[in-house]
Amino acid sequence: MHPDVALVTQLQQLDHRMSAIEKEVAELPRHIAAIEKTLESHLRRLEADKAALAANQRDRKNLELEVGTHQAKISKLRDQMAGAKNNEQYKAFQNEIDYAEKEIKKCEDRSIQLMSASEPLDAAVKAADAALKEEQKLVEAEKVKARQATSADQAELEKLRAEHKEAFAKLPRTSQAAYERIRKKWKGTVSAEVKEGRCSACQMMLRPQFFQDLRRGTDLMFCETCTRFLYYNAPDRAVDMS
């Protein structure tokens, strides 16, 4: 194998590794954003349940006040009814008392309905609150893990970039230019092994004489179809132990 191709293959491996790490680093914030979005959704649901429970309690309190108002009115009407001067006045007071008692009954019935509805609401709020606290702990732990992973990835990237810079500097200028051109064209895959007389990247057959020149390994050679750096590894020969 030509020494330039060995360096190019090393650079390609470094490129692939760096690309994978950079993708991982870019993915971590999106991962955190996704779980935070889920957390926000659960928080809004909890707030809605709390608001519904608060409204239920407020309505029950208002009904209690309304019952108290009616009861005070009934007490006042009974006092006034005791001083009624005629039967007509007495009946009028009684009608008002009957109306107030009916309103009290409506309030009490509605209050019972609200109490029945408040029990599952209260249970849902408590369960959701407990679940949210656990989820918040998990999210925070995931954030710590993501920060640690990012820090480790950044450290590895710095190391790989230094190795890449060192290997790239060893290439002649013409090979550097070819490497950059091919890397941009083929998104990082710059070299290809020749197997059975065929470029393993584009699968095109090599001309017989071209293949023979490549096998000698003395010249830097490129695929005539896809322009990648080419190399050839001779197959291992079984050693005769007899």
C-alpha atoms as a PDB file:
ATOM      1  CA  MET A   1       0.000   0.000   0.000  1.00  0.00           C
ATOM      2  CA  HIS A   2       1.268   3.452  -0.896  1.00  0.00           C
ATOM      3  CA  PRO A   3       2.193   5.408   2.290  1.00  0.00           C
ATOM      4  CA  ASP A   4      -0.089   8.310   1.341  1.00  0.00           C
ATOM      5  CA  VAL A   5      -3.056   5.929   1.130  1.00  0.00           C
ATOM      6  CA  ALA A   6      -2.230   4.535   4.560  1.00  0.00           C
ATOM      7  CA  LEU A   7      -2.380   8.085   5.947  1.00  0.00           C
ATOM      8  CA  VAL A   8      -5.576   8.823   4.011  1.00  0.00           C
ATOM      9  CA  THR A   9      -7.198   5.672   5.404  1.00  0.00           C
ATOM     10  CA  GLN A  10      -6.169   6.744   8.895  1.00  0.00           C
ATOM     11  CA  LEU A  11      -7.636  10.198   8.264  1.00  0.00           C
ATOM     12  CA  GLN A  12     -10.857   8.634   6.983  1.00  0.00           C
ATOM     13  CA  GLN A  13     -11.208   6.574  10.176  1.00  0.00           C
ATOM     14  CA  LEU A  14     -10.629   9.705  12.245  1.00  0.00           C
ATOM     15  CA  ASP A  15     -13.184  11.612  10.136  1.00  0.00           C
ATOM     16  CA  HIS A  16     -15.820   8.933  10.704  1.00  0.00           C
ATOM     17  CA  ARG A  17     -15.152   8.806  14.428  1.00  0.00           C
ATOM     18  CA  MET A  18     -15.261  12.610  14.753  1.00  0.00           C
ATOM     19  CA  SER A  19     -18.454  12.777  12.717  1.00  0.00           C
ATOM     20  CA  ALA A  20     -20.112  10.195  14.985  1.00  0.00           C
ATOM     21  CA  ILE A  21     -19.079  12.087  18.124  1.00  0.00           C
ATOM     22  CA  GLU A  22     -20.187  15.450  16.710  1.00  0.00           C
ATOM     23  CA  LYS A  23     -23.562  13.899  15.857  1.00  0.00           C
ATOM     24  CA  GLU A  24     -23.833  12.579  19.411  1.00  0.00           C
ATOM     25  CA  VAL A  25     -22.942  15.996  20.867  1.00  0.00           C
ATOM     26  CA  ALA A  26     -25.558  17.656  18.646  1.00  0.00           C
ATOM     27  CA  GLU A  27     -28.187  15.057  19.586  1.00  0.00           C
ATOM     28  CA  LEU A  28     -27.848  15.475  23.364  1.00  0.00           C
ATOM     29  CA  PRO A  29     -29.494  18.952  23.549  1.00  0.00           C
ATOM     30  CA  ARG A  30     -32.373  17.676  21.401  1.00  0.00           C
ATOM     31  CA  HIS A  31     -32.761  14.691  23.720  1.00  0.00           C
ATOM     32  CA  ILE A  32     -32.872  16.973  26.770  1.00  0.00           C
ATOM     33  CA  ALA A  33     -35.335  19.306  25.017  1.00  0.00           C
ATOM     34  CA  ALA A  34     -37.607  16.331  24.245  1.00  0.00           C
ATOM     35  CA  ILE A  35     -37.748  15.069  27.835  1.00  0.00           C
ATOM     36  CA  GLU A  36     -38.183  18.630  29.127  1.00  0.00           C
ATOM     37  CA  LYS A  37     -41.093  19.068  26.712  1.00  0.00           C
ATOM     38  CA  THR A  38     -42.696  15.908  28.116  1.00  0.00           C
ATOM     39  CA  LEU A  39     -42.095  17.231  31.620  1.00  0.00           C
ATOM     40  CA  GLU A  40     -43.743  20.542  30.710  1.00  0.00           C
ATOM     41  CA  SER A  41     -46.737  18.645  29.319  1.00  0.00           C
ATOM     42  CA  HIS A  42     -47.118  16.744  32.598  1.00  0.00           C
ATOM     43  CA  LEU A  43     -46.705  19.983  34.560  1.00  0.00           C
ATOM     44  CA  ARG A  44     -49.476  21.678  32.558  1.00  0.00           C
ATOM     45  CA  ARG A  45     -51.734  18.681  33.152  1.00  0.00           C
ATOM     46  CA  LEU A  46     -51.024  18.872  36.889  1.00  0.00           C
ATOM     47  CA  GLU A  47     -51.735  22.607  36.920  1.00  0.00           C
ATOM     48  CA  ALA A  48     -55.027  21.976  35.102  1.00  0.00           C
ATOM     49  CA  ASP A  49     -56.006  19.339  37.705  1.00  0.00           C
ATOM     50  CA  LYS A  50     -55.055  21.708  40.529  1.00  0.00           C
ATOM     51  CA  ALA A  51     -57.090  24.495  38.933  1.00  0.00           C
ATOM     52  CA  ALA A  52     -60.096  22.159  38.621  1.00  0.00           C
ATOM     53  CA  LEU A  53     -59.765  21.107  42.250  1.00  0.00           C
ATOM     54  CA  ALA A  54     -59.436  24.727  43.385  1.00  0.00           C
ATOM     55  CA  ALA A  55     -62.537  25.682  41.376  1.00  0.00           C
ATOM     56  CA  ASN A  56     -64.410  22.774  42.966  1.00  0.00           C
ATOM     57  CA  GLN A  57     -63.430  23.915  46.456  1.00  0.00           C
ATOM     58  CA  ARG A  58     -64.301  27.518  45.630  1.00  0.00           C
ATOM     59  CA  ASP A  59     -67.749  26.520  44.361  1.00  0.00           C
ATOM     60  CA  ARG A  60     -68.405  24.470  47.497  1.00  0.00           C
ATOM     61  CA  LYS A  61     -67.363  27.400  49.660  1.00  0.00           C
ATOM     62  CA  ASN A  62     -69.698  29.712  47.724  1.00  0.00           C
ATOM     63  CA  LEU A  63     -72.530  27.222  48.189  1.00  0.00           C
ATOM     64  CA  GLU A  64     -71.871  27.160  51.934  1.00  0.00           C
ATOM     65  CA  LEU A  65     -72.068  30.951  52.008  1.00  0.00           C
ATOM     66  CA  GLU A  66     -75.256  30.863  49.953  1.00  0.00           C
ATOM     67  CA  VAL A  67     -76.822  28.327  52.356  1.00  0.00           C
ATOM     68  CA  GLY A  68     -75.842  30.568  55.257  1.00  0.00           C
ATOM     69  CA  THR A  69     -77.500  33.538  53.570  1.00  0.00           C
ATOM     70  CA  HIS A  70     -80.731  31.587  53.011  1.00  0.00           C
ATOM     71  CA  GLN A  71     -80.697  30.297  56.587  1.00  0.00           C
ATOM     72  CA  ALA A  72     -80.277  33.818  57.937  1.00  0.00           C
ATOM     73  CA  LYS A  73     -83.143  34.974  55.721  1.00  0.00           C
ATOM     74  CA  ILE A  74     -85.381  32.132  56.975  1.00  0.00           C
ATOM     75  CA  SER A  75     -84.612  33.029  60.578  1.00  0.00           C
ATOM     76  CA  LYS A  76     -85.525  36.652  59.912  1.00  0.00           C
ATOM     77  CA  LEU A  77     -88.720  35.648  58.060  1.00  0.00           C
ATOM     78  CA  ARG A  78     -89.810  33.418  60.972  1.00  0.00           C
ATOM     79  CA  ASP A  79     -89.405  36.363  63.346  1.00  0.00           C
ATOM     80  CA  GLN A  80     -91.437  38.538  61.007  1.00  0.00           C
ATOM     81  CA  MET A  81     -94.046  35.808  60.532  1.00  0.00           C
ATOM     82  CA  ALA A  82     -94.627  35.716  64.303  1.00  0.00           C
ATOM     83  CA  GLY A  83     -95.842  39.302  64.083  1.00  0.00           C
ATOM     84  CA  ALA A  84     -98.045  38.771  61.034  1.00  0.00           C
ATOM     85  CA  LYS A  85    -101.246  40.803  61.342  1.00  0.00           C
ATOM     86  CA  ASN A  86    -103.358  38.627  59.073  1.00  0.00           C
ATOM     87  CA  ASN A  87    -103.452  35.300  57.297  1.00  0.00           C
ATOM     88  CA  GLU A  88    -102.404  36.821  54.011  1.00  0.00           C
ATOM     89  CA  GLN A  89     -99.178  38.182  55.488  1.00  0.00           C
ATOM     90  CA  TYR A  90     -98.544  34.838  57.214  1.00  0.00           C
ATOM     91  CA  LYS A  91     -98.842  32.951  53.915  1.00  0.00           C
ATOM     92  CA  ALA A  92     -96.545  35.421  52.184  1.00  0.00           C
ATOM     93  CA  PHE A  93     -93.846  34.870  54.804  1.00  0.00           C
ATOM     94  CA  GLN A  94     -94.337  31.099  54.544  1.00  0.00           C
ATOM     95  CA  ASN A  95     -93.972  31.183  50.755  1.00  0.00           C
ATOM     96  CA  GLU A  96     -90.669  33.043  51.072  1.00  0.00           C
ATOM     97  CA  ILE A  97     -89.488  30.542  53.673  1.00  0.00           C
ATOM     98  CA  ASP A  98     -90.455  27.635  51.425  1.00  0.00           C
ATOM     99  CA  TYR A  99     -88.576  29.200  48.518  1.00  0.00           C
ATOM    100  CA  ALA A 100     -85.462  29.744  50.655  1.00  0.00           C
ATOM    101  CA  GLU A 101     -85.589  26.137  51.912  1.00  0.00           C
ATOM    102  CA  LYS A 102     -85.833  24.885  48.319  1.00  0.00           C
ATOM    103  CA  GLU A 103     -82.774  26.969  47.426  1.00  0.00           C
ATOM    104  CA  ILE A 104     -80.918  25.480  50.406  1.00  0.00           C
ATOM    105  CA  LYS A 105     -81.820  21.980  49.164  1.00  0.00           C
ATOM    106  CA  LYS A 106     -80.488  22.844  45.687  1.00  0.00           C
ATOM    107  CA  CYS A 107     -77.252  24.130  47.210  1.00  0.00           C
ATOM    108  CA  GLU A 108     -76.849  21.017  49.358  1.00  0.00           C
ATOM    109  CA  ASP A 109     -77.487  18.701  46.392  1.00  0.00           C
ATOM    110  CA  ARG A 110     -74.964  20.605  44.278  1.00  0.00           C
ATOM    111  CA  SER A 111     -72.469  20.533  47.157  1.00  0.00           C
ATOM    112  CA  ILE A 112     -72.790  16.741  47.386  1.00  0.00           C
ATOM    113  CA  GLN A 113     -72.096  16.477  43.653  1.00  0.00           C
ATOM    114  CA  LEU A 114     -69.040  18.688  43.995  1.00  0.00           C
ATOM    115  CA  MET A 115     -67.746  16.657  46.944  1.00  0.00           C
ATOM    116  CA  SER A 116     -68.086  13.460  44.898  1.00  0.00           C
ATOM    117  CA  ALA A 117     -66.205  15.071  42.033  1.00  0.00           C
ATOM    118  CA  SER A 118     -63.494  16.442  44.320  1.00  0.00           C
ATOM    119  CA  GLU A 119     -62.361  13.029  45.571  1.00  0.00           C
ATOM    120  CA  PRO A 120     -60.961  11.742  42.245  1.00  0.00           C
ATOM    121  CA  LEU A 121     -59.603  15.217  41.481  1.00  0.00           C
ATOM    122  CA  ASP A 122     -57.762  15.320  44.793  1.00  0.00           C
ATOM    123  CA  ALA A 123     -56.392  11.811  44.235  1.00  0.00           C
ATOM    124  CA  ALA A 124     -55.299  12.713  40.690  1.00  0.00           C
ATOM    125  CA  VAL A 125     -53.505  15.851  41.887  1.00  0.00           C
ATOM    126  CA  LYS A 126     -51.639  13.953  44.624  1.00  0.00           C
ATOM    127  CA  ALA A 127     -50.637  11.142  42.258  1.00  0.00           C
ATOM    128  CA  ALA A 128     -49.600  13.539  39.484  1.00  0.00           C
ATOM    129  CA  ASP A 129     -47.652  15.696  41.926  1.00  0.00           C
ATOM    130  CA  ALA A 130     -45.713  12.681  43.241  1.00  0.00           C
ATOM    131  CA  ALA A 131     -45.076  11.378  39.703  1.00  0.00           C
ATOM    132  CA  LEU A 132     -43.920  14.818  38.541  1.00  0.00           C
ATOM    133  CA  LYS A 133     -41.411  15.093  41.378  1.00  0.00           C
ATOM    134  CA  GLU A 134     -39.949  11.708  40.432  1.00  0.00           C
ATOM    135  CA  GLU A 135     -39.859  12.694  36.783  1.00  0.00           C
ATOM    136  CA  GLN A 136     -38.113  15.964  37.634  1.00  0.00           C
ATOM    137  CA  LYS A 137     -35.432  13.967  39.463  1.00  0.00           C
ATOM    138  CA  LEU A 138     -34.973  11.737  36.417  1.00  0.00           C
ATOM    139  CA  VAL A 139     -34.754  14.742  34.099  1.00  0.00           C
ATOM    140  CA  GLU A 140     -32.142  16.402  36.299  1.00  0.00           C
ATOM    141  CA  ALA A 141     -30.160  13.156  36.426  1.00  0.00           C
ATOM    142  CA  GLU A 142     -30.407  12.909  32.625  1.00  0.00           C
ATOM    143  CA  LYS A 143     -29.137  16.488  32.307  1.00  0.00           C
ATOM    144  CA  VAL A 144     -26.128  15.697  34.502  1.00  0.00           C
ATOM    145  CA  LYS A 145     -25.466  12.570  32.444  1.00  0.00           C
ATOM    146  CA  ALA A 146     -25.756  14.561  29.204  1.00  0.00           C
ATOM    147  CA  ARG A 147     -23.351  17.251  30.465  1.00  0.00           C
ATOM    148  CA  GLN A 148     -20.836  14.570  31.472  1.00  0.00           C
ATOM    149  CA  ALA A 149     -21.192  12.802  28.118  1.00  0.00           C
ATOM    150  CA  THR A 150     -20.764  16.098  26.259  1.00  0.00           C
ATOM    151  CA  SER A 151     -17.654  16.932  28.265  1.00  0.00           C
ATOM    152  CA  ALA A 152     -16.160  13.506  27.538  1.00  0.00           C
ATOM    153  CA  ASP A 153     -17.072  13.798  23.851  1.00  0.00           C
ATOM    154  CA  GLN A 154     -15.502  17.250  23.587  1.00  0.00           C
ATOM    155  CA  ALA A 155     -12.303  15.945  25.179  1.00  0.00           C
ATOM    156  CA  GLU A 156     -12.184  13.028  22.737  1.00  0.00           C
ATOM    157  CA  LEU A 157     -12.887  15.364  19.822  1.00  0.00           C
ATOM    158  CA  GLU A 158      -9.930  17.541  20.782  1.00  0.00           C
ATOM    159  CA  LYS A 159      -7.714  14.455  20.892  1.00  0.00           C
ATOM    160  CA  LEU A 160      -8.964  13.161  17.533  1.00  0.00           C
ATOM    161  CA  ARG A 161      -8.618  16.569  15.897  1.00  0.00           C
ATOM    162  CA  ALA A 162      -5.012  16.748  17.072  1.00  0.00           C
ATOM    163  CA  GLU A 163      -4.357  13.272  15.625  1.00  0.00           C
ATOM    164  CA  HIS A 164      -6.085  14.294  12.402  1.00  0.00           C
ATOM    165  CA  LYS A 165      -4.014  17.462  12.113  1.00  0.00           C
ATOM    166  CA  GLU A 166      -0.804  15.533  12.714  1.00  0.00           C
ATOM    167  CA  ALA A 167      -1.633  12.839  10.130  1.00  0.00           C
ATOM    168  CA  PHE A 168      -2.827  15.396   7.568  1.00  0.00           C
ATOM    169  CA  ALA A 169       0.420  17.365   7.907  1.00  0.00           C
ATOM    170  CA  LYS A 170       2.378  14.266   6.861  1.00  0.00           C
ATOM    171  CA  LEU A 171       0.654  14.152   3.468  1.00  0.00           C
ATOM    172  CA  PRO A 172       2.251  15.926   0.488  1.00  0.00           C
ATOM    173  CA  ARG A 173       0.350  19.020  -0.623  1.00  0.00           C
ATOM    174  CA  THR A 174      -1.008  17.308  -3.726  1.00  0.00           C
ATOM    175  CA  SER A 175      -2.402  14.440  -1.631  1.00  0.00           C
ATOM    176  CA  GLN A 176      -3.828  16.913   0.870  1.00  0.00           C
ATOM    177  CA  ALA A 177      -5.712  18.670  -1.910  1.00  0.00           C
ATOM    178  CA  ALA A 178      -6.946  15.363  -3.346  1.00  0.00           C
ATOM    179  CA  TYR A 179      -8.039  14.216   0.116  1.00  0.00           C
ATOM    180  CA  GLU A 180     -10.054  17.404   0.733  1.00  0.00           C
ATOM    181  CA  ARG A 181     -11.639  17.281  -2.709  1.00  0.00           C
ATOM    182  CA  ILE A 182     -12.674  13.614  -2.427  1.00  0.00           C
ATOM    183  CA  ARG A 183     -13.835  13.982   1.196  1.00  0.00           C
ATOM    184  CA  LYS A 184     -16.215  16.804   0.237  1.00  0.00           C
ATOM    185  CA  LYS A 185     -17.475  14.911  -2.799  1.00  0.00           C
ATOM    186  CA  TRP A 186     -18.123  11.613  -1.026  1.00  0.00           C
ATOM    187  CA  LYS A 187     -18.950  12.856   2.483  1.00  0.00           C
ATOM    188  CA  GLY A 188     -15.871  11.466   4.211  1.00  0.00           C
ATOM    189  CA  THR A 189     -15.296   8.190   2.315  1.00  0.00           C
ATOM    190  CA  VAL A 190     -12.049   8.956   0.544  1.00  0.00           C
ATOM    191  CA  SER A 191     -10.330   5.589   0.124  1.00  0.00           C
ATOM    192  CA  ALA A 192     -11.485   2.201  -1.075  1.00  0.00           C
ATOM    193  CA  GLU A 193      -9.989  -1.253  -1.115  1.00  0.00           C
ATOM    194  CA  VAL A 194      -9.832  -3.124  -4.400  1.00  0.00           C
ATOM    195  CA  LYS A 195     -11.267  -6.627  -4.152  1.00  0.00           C
ATOM    196  CA  GLU A 196     -11.323  -9.097  -7.034  1.00  0.00           C
ATOM    197  CA  GLY A 197     -10.258  -6.329  -9.375  1.00  0.00           C
ATOM    198  CA  ARG A 198     -13.184  -4.117  -8.398  1.00  0.00           C
ATOM    199  CA  CYS A 199     -13.386  -0.795  -6.447  1.00  0.00           C
ATOM    200  CA  SER A 200     -15.272  -1.679  -3.269  1.00  0.00           C
ATOM    201  CA  ALA A 201     -16.796   1.817  -3.108  1.00  0.00           C
ATOM    202  CA  CYS A 202     -18.312   2.254  -6.575  1.00  0.00           C
ATOM    203  CA  GLN A 203     -18.149  -1.456  -7.589  1.00  0.00           C
ATOM    204  CA  MET A 204     -16.569  -0.681 -10.964  1.00  0.00           C
ATOM    205  CA  MET A 205     -13.986  -3.076 -12.431  1.00  0.00           C
ATOM    206  CA  LEU A 206     -10.448  -1.832 -12.885  1.00  0.00           C
ATOM    207  CA  ARG A 207      -8.579  -2.176 -16.157  1.00  0.00           C
ATOM    208  CA  PRO A 208      -6.161  -5.159 -15.980  1.00  0.00           C
ATOM    209  CA  GLN A 209      -3.019  -3.048 -16.432  1.00  0.00           C
ATOM    210  CA  PHE A 210      -4.316  -0.455 -13.929  1.00  0.00           C
ATOM    211  CA  PHE A 211      -4.925  -3.244 -11.422  1.00  0.00           C
ATOM    212  CA  GLN A 212      -1.419  -4.619 -11.932  1.00  0.00           C
ATOM    213  CA  ASP A 213       0.088  -1.160 -11.326  1.00  0.00           C
ATOM    214  CA  LEU A 214      -1.981  -0.820  -8.150  1.00  0.00           C
ATOM    215  CA  ARG A 215      -0.811  -4.192  -6.856  1.00  0.00           C
ATOM    216  CA  ARG A 216       2.784  -3.054  -7.070  1.00  0.00           C
ATOM    217  CA  GLY A 217       1.945  -0.262  -4.611  1.00  0.00           C
ATOM    218  CA  THR A 218       4.649   2.078  -5.858  1.00  0.00           C
ATOM    219  CA  ASP A 219       2.378   4.796  -7.241  1.00  0.00           C
ATOM    220  CA  LEU A 220      -0.507   6.738  -5.722  1.00  0.00           C
ATOM    221  CA  MET A 221      -3.581   5.694  -7.676  1.00  0.00           C
ATOM    222  CA  PHE A 222      -7.201   6.817  -7.844  1.00  0.00           C
ATOM    223  CA  CYS A 223     -10.327   5.026  -9.038  1.00  0.00           C
ATOM    224  CA  GLU A 224     -10.960   6.060 -12.618  1.00  0.00           C
ATOM    225  CA  THR A 225     -14.697   6.096 -11.943  1.00  0.00           C
ATOM    226  CA  CYS A 226     -15.283   7.562  -8.464  1.00  0.00           C
ATOM    227  CA  THR A 227     -11.810   9.184  -8.039  1.00  0.00           C
ATOM    228  CA  ARG A 228     -11.245   7.752  -4.536  1.00  0.00           C
ATOM    229  CA  PHE A 229      -7.784   6.746  -3.329  1.00  0.00           C
ATOM    230  CA  LEU A 230      -7.324   3.034  -4.050  1.00  0.00           C
ATOM    231  CA  TYR A 231      -5.380   0.382  -2.174  1.00  0.00           C
ATOM    232  CA  TYR A 232      -4.922  -3.344  -2.511  1.00  0.00           C
ATOM    233  CA  ASN A 233      -4.296  -5.867   0.232  1.00  0.00           C
ATOM    234  CA  ALA A 234      -2.888  -9.133  -1.040  1.00  0.00           C
ATOM    235  CA  PRO A 235      -4.809 -12.162   0.282  1.00  0.00           C
ATOM    236  CA  ASP A 236      -3.133 -14.137   3.063  1.00  0.00           C
ATOM    237  CA  ARG A 237      -1.370 -17.244   1.855  1.00  0.00           C
ATOM    238  CA  ALA A 238      -1.565 -20.427   3.861  1.00  0.00           C
ATOM    239  CA  VAL A 239       1.906 -21.330   5.194  1.00  0.00           C
ATOM    240  CA  ASP A 240       3.094 -24.801   4.212  1.00  0.00           C
ATOM    241  CA  MET A 241       4.278 -26.442   7.465  1.00  0.00           C
ATOM    242  CA  SER A 242       5.345 -29.746   5.862  1.00  0.00           C
END
